Amino acid sequence: MADTIAETVDLLYTIDQEHLTLDQQIALGTAMATLAQAERLEQINERLRSIHQVLNSWALKATVDGGR
């Protein structure tokens, strides 16, 4: 997903905004807002993965230590 976001950012910032119609400017603004939301969701997802890894390691350690 990160590659798609980066590619989309590149595309959005290459658009010449001075020559857009009002409807196109609104669509571009909407696209940028949606992209910002996707980037934030990706950050949240990365943090959740980290938390998941920690919890899994704790659970594994508890299983190993509890089996003694």
N, C-alpha and C. Protein backbone atom coordinates (compact mmCIF):
# COMPACT_ATOMS: atom_id res chain seq x y z
N MET A 1 0.82 -1.20 0.00
CA MET A 1 0.00 0.00 0.00
C MET A 1 0.87 1.26 0.00
N ALA A 2 1.98 1.21 0.68
CA ALA A 2 2.85 2.39 0.77
C ALA A 2 3.34 2.83 -0.61
N ASP A 3 3.66 1.86 -1.48
CA ASP A 3 4.10 2.21 -2.83
C ASP A 3 3.00 2.92 -3.59
N THR A 4 1.77 2.44 -3.44
CA THR A 4 0.63 3.07 -4.12
C THR A 4 0.43 4.50 -3.62
N ILE A 5 0.56 4.70 -2.32
CA ILE A 5 0.41 6.04 -1.76
C ILE A 5 1.50 6.96 -2.30
N ALA A 6 2.73 6.49 -2.31
CA ALA A 6 3.84 7.30 -2.80
C ALA A 6 3.66 7.65 -4.27
N GLU A 7 3.23 6.69 -5.07
CA GLU A 7 3.00 6.95 -6.49
C GLU A 7 1.87 7.97 -6.68
N THR A 8 0.84 7.86 -5.87
CA THR A 8 -0.28 8.79 -5.96
C THR A 8 0.15 10.20 -5.56
N VAL A 9 0.96 10.30 -4.52
CA VAL A 9 1.49 11.61 -4.11
C VAL A 9 2.26 12.24 -5.26
N ASP A 10 3.13 11.45 -5.87
CA ASP A 10 3.91 11.96 -7.01
C ASP A 10 3.00 12.48 -8.11
N LEU A 11 1.96 11.72 -8.42
CA LEU A 11 1.03 12.15 -9.48
C LEU A 11 0.29 13.42 -9.11
N LEU A 12 -0.19 13.49 -7.88
CA LEU A 12 -0.96 14.66 -7.46
C LEU A 12 -0.13 15.93 -7.49
N TYR A 13 1.13 15.83 -7.11
CA TYR A 13 1.96 17.02 -7.07
C TYR A 13 2.53 17.42 -8.42
N THR A 14 2.31 16.61 -9.44
CA THR A 14 2.75 17.00 -10.78
C THR A 14 1.64 17.71 -11.55
N ILE A 15 0.45 17.75 -10.97
CA ILE A 15 -0.68 18.40 -11.65
C ILE A 15 -0.52 19.91 -11.60
N ASP A 16 -0.67 20.55 -12.75
CA ASP A 16 -0.62 22.01 -12.84
C ASP A 16 -1.97 22.56 -12.41
N GLN A 17 -2.06 23.00 -11.17
CA GLN A 17 -3.33 23.42 -10.60
C GLN A 17 -3.85 24.73 -11.20
N GLU A 18 -2.99 25.51 -11.79
CA GLU A 18 -3.40 26.80 -12.35
C GLU A 18 -4.34 26.65 -13.54
N HIS A 19 -4.31 25.50 -14.20
CA HIS A 19 -5.11 25.31 -15.40
C HIS A 19 -6.30 24.38 -15.18
N LEU A 20 -6.66 24.16 -13.93
CA LEU A 20 -7.79 23.28 -13.63
C LEU A 20 -9.08 24.08 -13.55
N THR A 21 -10.16 23.43 -13.96
CA THR A 21 -11.48 24.03 -13.77
C THR A 21 -11.83 23.95 -12.29
N LEU A 22 -12.87 24.64 -11.89
CA LEU A 22 -13.29 24.61 -10.50
C LEU A 22 -13.63 23.19 -10.07
N ASP A 23 -14.35 22.46 -10.92
CA ASP A 23 -14.69 21.06 -10.61
C ASP A 23 -13.43 20.21 -10.45
N GLN A 24 -12.45 20.43 -11.29
CA GLN A 24 -11.21 19.68 -11.19
C GLN A 24 -10.44 20.04 -9.93
N GLN A 25 -10.48 21.32 -9.53
CA GLN A 25 -9.82 21.74 -8.30
C GLN A 25 -10.47 21.09 -7.08
N ILE A 26 -11.80 21.01 -7.11
CA ILE A 26 -12.53 20.35 -6.02
C ILE A 26 -12.16 18.86 -5.98
N ALA A 27 -12.12 18.22 -7.14
CA ALA A 27 -11.76 16.80 -7.21
C ALA A 27 -10.33 16.59 -6.72
N LEU A 28 -9.43 17.47 -7.06
CA LEU A 28 -8.04 17.37 -6.62
C LEU A 28 -7.96 17.53 -5.10
N GLY A 29 -8.69 18.49 -4.56
CA GLY A 29 -8.73 18.67 -3.11
C GLY A 29 -9.26 17.44 -2.40
N THR A 30 -10.30 16.85 -2.97
CA THR A 30 -10.87 15.63 -2.40
C THR A 30 -9.87 14.49 -2.46
N ALA A 31 -9.17 14.38 -3.59
CA ALA A 31 -8.16 13.33 -3.74
C ALA A 31 -7.04 13.51 -2.72
N MET A 32 -6.62 14.73 -2.49
CA MET A 32 -5.54 14.98 -1.52
C MET A 32 -6.01 14.66 -0.10
N ALA A 33 -7.24 15.00 0.22
CA ALA A 33 -7.78 14.68 1.54
C ALA A 33 -7.88 13.18 1.74
N THR A 34 -8.32 12.47 0.71
CA THR A 34 -8.42 11.02 0.77
C THR A 34 -7.05 10.39 0.92
N LEU A 35 -6.08 10.93 0.21
CA LEU A 35 -4.71 10.45 0.31
C LEU A 35 -4.15 10.65 1.72
N ALA A 36 -4.41 11.80 2.31
CA ALA A 36 -3.94 12.07 3.68
C ALA A 36 -4.55 11.06 4.65
N GLN A 37 -5.82 10.75 4.43
CA GLN A 37 -6.49 9.77 5.28
C GLN A 37 -5.85 8.38 5.09
N ALA A 38 -5.55 8.02 3.86
CA ALA A 38 -4.93 6.72 3.58
C ALA A 38 -3.54 6.65 4.23
N GLU A 39 -2.80 7.75 4.17
CA GLU A 39 -1.48 7.76 4.79
C GLU A 39 -1.60 7.58 6.30
N ARG A 40 -2.57 8.21 6.90
CA ARG A 40 -2.78 8.09 8.34
C ARG A 40 -3.18 6.65 8.69
N LEU A 41 -4.05 6.06 7.89
CA LEU A 41 -4.45 4.68 8.14
C LEU A 41 -3.26 3.73 8.01
N GLU A 42 -2.37 4.00 7.08
CA GLU A 42 -1.17 3.17 6.92
C GLU A 42 -0.28 3.29 8.16
N GLN A 43 -0.16 4.50 8.71
CA GLN A 43 0.63 4.69 9.94
C GLN A 43 0.00 3.92 11.10
N ILE A 44 -1.31 4.00 11.22
CA ILE A 44 -2.01 3.26 12.27
C ILE A 44 -1.80 1.77 12.09
N ASN A 45 -1.90 1.30 10.86
CA ASN A 45 -1.70 -0.12 10.57
C ASN A 45 -0.30 -0.58 10.96
N GLU A 46 0.72 0.24 10.69
CA GLU A 46 2.09 -0.10 11.07
C GLU A 46 2.22 -0.21 12.58
N ARG A 47 1.61 0.70 13.30
CA ARG A 47 1.67 0.65 14.76
C ARG A 47 0.96 -0.59 15.30
N LEU A 48 -0.17 -0.91 14.69
CA LEU A 48 -0.89 -2.12 15.11
C LEU A 48 -0.08 -3.37 14.86
N ARG A 49 0.64 -3.41 13.75
CA ARG A 49 1.52 -4.56 13.48
C ARG A 49 2.59 -4.69 14.55
N SER A 50 3.17 -3.56 14.95
CA SER A 50 4.19 -3.58 16.00
C SER A 50 3.61 -4.09 17.32
N ILE A 51 2.45 -3.59 17.67
CA ILE A 51 1.78 -4.03 18.90
C ILE A 51 1.48 -5.52 18.83
N HIS A 52 1.01 -5.97 17.68
CA HIS A 52 0.70 -7.38 17.48
C HIS A 52 1.94 -8.25 17.68
N GLN A 53 3.07 -7.81 17.14
CA GLN A 53 4.31 -8.56 17.30
C GLN A 53 4.72 -8.66 18.76
N VAL A 54 4.60 -7.56 19.49
CA VAL A 54 4.94 -7.56 20.91
C VAL A 54 4.03 -8.51 21.67
N LEU A 55 2.74 -8.42 21.43
CA LEU A 55 1.79 -9.29 22.12
C LEU A 55 2.03 -10.76 21.79
N ASN A 56 2.34 -11.04 20.53
CA ASN A 56 2.64 -12.43 20.15
C ASN A 56 3.89 -12.93 20.85
N SER A 57 4.90 -12.08 20.96
CA SER A 57 6.13 -12.52 21.65
C SER A 57 5.86 -12.75 23.13
N TRP A 58 5.03 -11.91 23.74
CA TRP A 58 4.66 -12.12 25.14
C TRP A 58 3.89 -13.43 25.30
N ALA A 59 2.95 -13.67 24.39
CA ALA A 59 2.15 -14.90 24.48
C ALA A 59 3.04 -16.12 24.30
N LEU A 60 3.96 -16.07 23.38
CA LEU A 60 4.89 -17.18 23.15
C LEU A 60 5.76 -17.40 24.39
N LYS A 61 6.27 -16.33 24.95
CA LYS A 61 7.11 -16.42 26.15
C LYS A 61 6.30 -17.01 27.31
N ALA A 62 5.06 -16.58 27.46
CA ALA A 62 4.21 -17.11 28.53
C ALA A 62 3.95 -18.60 28.34
N THR A 63 3.78 -19.01 27.09
CA THR A 63 3.55 -20.41 26.78
C THR A 63 4.79 -21.24 27.12
N VAL A 64 5.95 -20.75 26.72
CA VAL A 64 7.22 -21.46 26.97
C VAL A 64 7.50 -21.48 28.46
N ASP A 65 7.38 -20.35 29.13
CA ASP A 65 7.65 -20.27 30.56
C ASP A 65 6.62 -21.06 31.37
N GLY A 66 5.39 -21.06 30.93
CA GLY A 66 4.33 -21.79 31.63
C GLY A 66 4.44 -23.28 31.46
N GLY A 67 5.13 -23.73 30.44
CA GLY A 67 5.26 -25.15 30.17
C GLY A 67 6.38 -25.81 30.96
N ARG A 68 7.08 -25.04 31.74
CA ARG A 68 8.22 -25.60 32.51
C ARG A 68 7.77 -26.24 33.79
